[in-house]
Amino acid sequence: YFYAYLYIGLNESLHGQQERARLFLKKSVANEWGPAAGFGPNYMWHTGRLELQLLTQPGRNPEANPEE
């Protein structure tokens, strides 16, 4: 389920659903296969990890919409 959780989380983040994004990205990053697999899966695991890190930064406005 690594990629399913990852892409759902990234999609939710893109659409401003940051609580749901955090939920799915946490599940993706918790998967042990991604960082151990190497190459593409490892790269994508870090993509999810970094997006989750951005979403959990203190002071980040969860309702902020960069398009407005």
C-alpha atoms as a PDB file:
ATOM      1  CA  TYR A   1       0.000   0.000   0.000  1.00  0.00           C
ATOM      2  CA  PHE A   2       3.044   2.277   0.003  1.00  0.00           C
ATOM      3  CA  TYR A   3       2.312   3.969  -3.325  1.00  0.00           C
ATOM      4  CA  ALA A   4      -1.444   4.137  -2.726  1.00  0.00           C
ATOM      5  CA  TYR A   5      -0.990   5.995   0.551  1.00  0.00           C
ATOM      6  CA  LEU A   6       1.746   8.172  -0.927  1.00  0.00           C
ATOM      7  CA  TYR A   7      -0.218   9.340  -3.959  1.00  0.00           C
ATOM      8  CA  ILE A   8      -3.454   9.807  -2.025  1.00  0.00           C
ATOM      9  CA  GLY A   9      -1.541  11.887   0.522  1.00  0.00           C
ATOM     10  CA  LEU A  10       0.156  13.987  -2.143  1.00  0.00           C
ATOM     11  CA  ASN A  11      -3.160  14.521  -3.938  1.00  0.00           C
ATOM     12  CA  GLU A  12      -4.907  15.551  -0.720  1.00  0.00           C
ATOM     13  CA  SER A  13      -2.094  18.002   0.010  1.00  0.00           C
ATOM     14  CA  LEU A  14      -2.358  19.455  -3.488  1.00  0.00           C
ATOM     15  CA  HIS A  15      -6.076  20.048  -2.977  1.00  0.00           C
ATOM     16  CA  GLY A  16      -5.621  21.696   0.425  1.00  0.00           C
ATOM     17  CA  GLN A  17      -6.899  18.772   2.489  1.00  0.00           C
ATOM     18  CA  GLN A  18      -3.943  18.872   4.836  1.00  0.00           C
ATOM     19  CA  GLU A  19      -5.363  16.779   7.689  1.00  0.00           C
ATOM     20  CA  ARG A  20      -6.176  13.949   5.275  1.00  0.00           C
ATOM     21  CA  ALA A  21      -2.816  14.439   3.563  1.00  0.00           C
ATOM     22  CA  ARG A  22      -0.990  14.003   6.866  1.00  0.00           C
ATOM     23  CA  LEU A  23      -2.997  10.864   7.638  1.00  0.00           C
ATOM     24  CA  PHE A  24      -2.069   9.145   4.364  1.00  0.00           C
ATOM     25  CA  LEU A  25       1.508  10.404   4.222  1.00  0.00           C
ATOM     26  CA  LYS A  26       2.148   9.113   7.760  1.00  0.00           C
ATOM     27  CA  LYS A  27       0.981   5.674   6.632  1.00  0.00           C
ATOM     28  CA  SER A  28       3.178   5.832   3.548  1.00  0.00           C
ATOM     29  CA  VAL A  29       6.294   6.971   5.415  1.00  0.00           C
ATOM     30  CA  ALA A  30       5.730   4.306   8.092  1.00  0.00           C
ATOM     31  CA  ASN A  31       6.020   1.611   5.412  1.00  0.00           C
ATOM     32  CA  GLU A  32       9.415  -0.071   5.720  1.00  0.00           C
ATOM     33  CA  TRP A  33       9.597  -1.170   2.091  1.00  0.00           C
ATOM     34  CA  GLY A  34      10.018   2.313   0.581  1.00  0.00           C
ATOM     35  CA  PRO A  35      13.317   3.341   2.172  1.00  0.00           C
ATOM     36  CA  ALA A  36      14.763  -0.168   1.902  1.00  0.00           C
ATOM     37  CA  ALA A  37      13.829  -0.755  -1.750  1.00  0.00           C
ATOM     38  CA  GLY A  38      16.297   1.679  -3.297  1.00  0.00           C
ATOM     39  CA  PHE A  39      16.114   3.685  -6.525  1.00  0.00           C
ATOM     40  CA  GLY A  40      12.598   4.917  -7.428  1.00  0.00           C
ATOM     41  CA  PRO A  41      10.740   3.678  -4.349  1.00  0.00           C
ATOM     42  CA  ASN A  42      13.414   5.161  -2.079  1.00  0.00           C
ATOM     43  CA  TYR A  43      13.209   8.495  -3.899  1.00  0.00           C
ATOM     44  CA  MET A  44       9.426   8.529  -3.615  1.00  0.00           C
ATOM     45  CA  TRP A  45       9.588   7.582   0.073  1.00  0.00           C
ATOM     46  CA  HIS A  46      11.710  10.692   0.643  1.00  0.00           C
ATOM     47  CA  THR A  47       9.218  12.750  -1.386  1.00  0.00           C
ATOM     48  CA  GLY A  48       6.455  11.666   0.986  1.00  0.00           C
ATOM     49  CA  ARG A  49       8.659  12.199   4.027  1.00  0.00           C
ATOM     50  CA  LEU A  50       9.509  15.748   2.979  1.00  0.00           C
ATOM     51  CA  GLU A  51       5.896  16.634   2.137  1.00  0.00           C
ATOM     52  CA  LEU A  52       4.815  15.327   5.545  1.00  0.00           C
ATOM     53  CA  GLN A  53       7.574  17.373   7.165  1.00  0.00           C
ATOM     54  CA  LEU A  54       6.299  20.506   5.401  1.00  0.00           C
ATOM     55  CA  LEU A  55       2.720  19.791   6.467  1.00  0.00           C
ATOM     56  CA  THR A  56       3.694  19.379  10.113  1.00  0.00           C
ATOM     57  CA  GLN A  57       5.829  22.511  10.449  1.00  0.00           C
ATOM     58  CA  PRO A  58       4.763  24.744  13.332  1.00  0.00           C
ATOM     59  CA  GLY A  59       3.031  27.913  12.218  1.00  0.00           C
ATOM     60  CA  ARG A  60       1.900  26.503   8.890  1.00  0.00           C
ATOM     61  CA  ASN A  61      -1.622  27.656   8.095  1.00  0.00           C
ATOM     62  CA  PRO A  62      -3.621  24.550   7.126  1.00  0.00           C
ATOM     63  CA  GLU A  63      -6.221  26.700   5.380  1.00  0.00           C
ATOM     64  CA  ALA A  64      -3.715  28.639   3.271  1.00  0.00           C
ATOM     65  CA  ASN A  65      -4.415  28.496  -0.440  1.00  0.00           C
ATOM     66  CA  PRO A  66      -1.549  29.732  -2.630  1.00  0.00           C
ATOM     67  CA  GLU A  67      -3.920  30.246  -5.589  1.00  0.00           C
ATOM     68  CA  GLU A  68      -5.869  33.042  -3.879  1.00  0.00           C
END
